[in-house]
Protein backbone atom coordinates (compact mmCIF):
# COMPACT_ATOMS: atom_id res chain seq x y z
CA MET A 1 83.49 143.14 98.96
CA ARG A 2 80.97 143.68 101.82
CA GLU A 3 80.73 140.84 104.30
CA THR A 4 77.26 139.05 104.11
CA ALA A 5 75.36 137.84 107.05
CA ALA A 6 76.32 134.31 106.09
CA MET A 7 79.95 135.16 105.99
CA LYS A 8 79.88 136.94 109.25
CA ALA A 9 78.09 134.05 110.92
CA ASP A 10 80.82 131.72 109.75
CA ARG A 11 83.38 134.13 111.06
CA LEU A 12 81.65 134.46 114.48
CA LEU A 13 81.37 130.72 114.78
CA THR A 14 84.89 129.80 113.73
CA SER A 15 86.32 132.51 116.05
CA GLY A 16 84.74 130.99 119.12
CA ARG A 17 82.25 133.83 119.72
CA VAL A 18 79.15 131.59 120.08
CA VAL A 19 78.35 129.93 123.34
CA VAL A 20 75.23 127.76 123.48
CA VAL A 21 74.03 128.06 127.18
CA ARG A 22 70.88 125.93 126.84
CA ALA A 23 69.60 123.46 124.31
CA ASP A 24 66.94 121.06 125.55
CA GLY A 25 64.89 120.12 122.53
CA ARG A 26 62.20 122.79 123.23
CA HIS A 27 64.37 125.90 123.81
CA ILE A 28 67.81 127.12 122.61
CA ARG A 29 69.63 129.98 124.18
CA ALA A 30 73.07 131.26 123.13
CA ILE A 31 75.25 134.38 123.67
CA VAL A 32 77.12 135.65 120.73
CA ARG A 33 79.86 138.35 120.96
CA GLY A 34 79.35 140.71 118.08
CA ASP A 35 81.78 143.13 116.44
CA THR A 36 80.36 146.35 117.52
CA GLU A 37 77.32 146.06 119.89
CA GLY A 38 78.79 143.75 122.48
CA PHE A 39 77.04 140.61 123.43
CA HIS A 40 73.71 139.41 121.97
CA THR A 41 71.34 136.84 123.26
CA VAL A 42 69.84 134.45 120.54
CA GLU A 43 66.97 132.23 121.48
CA HIS A 44 64.70 129.78 119.81
CA GLY A 45 61.40 128.63 121.27
CA GLY A 46 57.87 128.30 120.07
CA GLY A 47 59.10 127.84 116.48
CA ARG A 48 60.59 131.29 116.47
CA TRP A 49 64.15 132.69 116.49
CA THR A 50 64.98 135.95 118.26
CA CYS A 51 68.14 138.05 118.75
CA SER A 52 68.75 141.04 120.95
CA CYS A 53 70.71 142.91 118.23
CA SER A 54 69.47 145.98 116.41
CA HIS A 55 69.50 144.14 113.03
CA ALA A 56 67.21 141.32 114.05
CA PRO A 57 63.87 142.94 113.27
CA TYR A 58 64.99 143.26 109.60
CA GLY A 59 65.50 139.57 108.95
CA LEU A 60 68.07 136.89 109.71
CA CYS A 61 70.98 138.53 111.49
CA SER A 62 74.43 136.89 111.58
CA HIS A 63 74.11 136.19 115.25
CA LYS A 64 70.96 133.96 114.62
CA ARG A 65 72.53 132.36 111.62
CA ALA A 66 75.71 131.55 113.62
CA VAL A 67 73.72 129.77 116.38
CA GLN A 68 71.60 127.95 113.76
CA LEU A 69 74.85 126.46 112.27
CA VAL A 70 75.45 124.50 115.46
CA THR A 71 71.95 123.72 116.71
CA ALA A 72 68.93 122.00 115.33
CA PRO A 73 65.54 122.59 117.08
CA VAL A 74 63.75 119.21 117.54
CA GLN A 75 60.08 119.16 116.59
CA PRO A 76 57.93 117.92 119.44
CA ALA A 77 56.33 115.27 117.20
CA ILE A 78 59.75 113.71 116.49
CA VAL A 79 61.06 113.27 119.97
CA SER A 80 58.88 111.43 122.48
CA HIS A 81 59.34 111.47 126.37
CA ASP A 82 60.58 107.86 126.22
CA VAL A 83 63.24 108.72 123.65
CA MET A 84 64.45 111.68 125.77
CA ILE A 85 64.66 109.40 128.88
CA GLY A 86 66.49 106.62 126.98
CA ALA A 87 68.97 109.15 125.70
CA MET A 88 69.87 110.26 129.20
CA THR A 89 70.41 106.87 130.66
């Protein structure tokens, strides 16, 4: 059976190949070590997910899906400045 993008995302995540380097409520950036093409940069900003891999233009790649499993972009209307300041103190 061929490995689906969802299955590969789970495997990438559980094998420690996903490193989130920035997650601040407006922007997410992660590095994912792929199987064949080396390292990929996955980002979320402006309501959009991107990945540097060659499969990303064709839909949801396994690298984006793996990062999505461990992050949740916060909508600006949900988090106010006061809430963010309170969370840091």
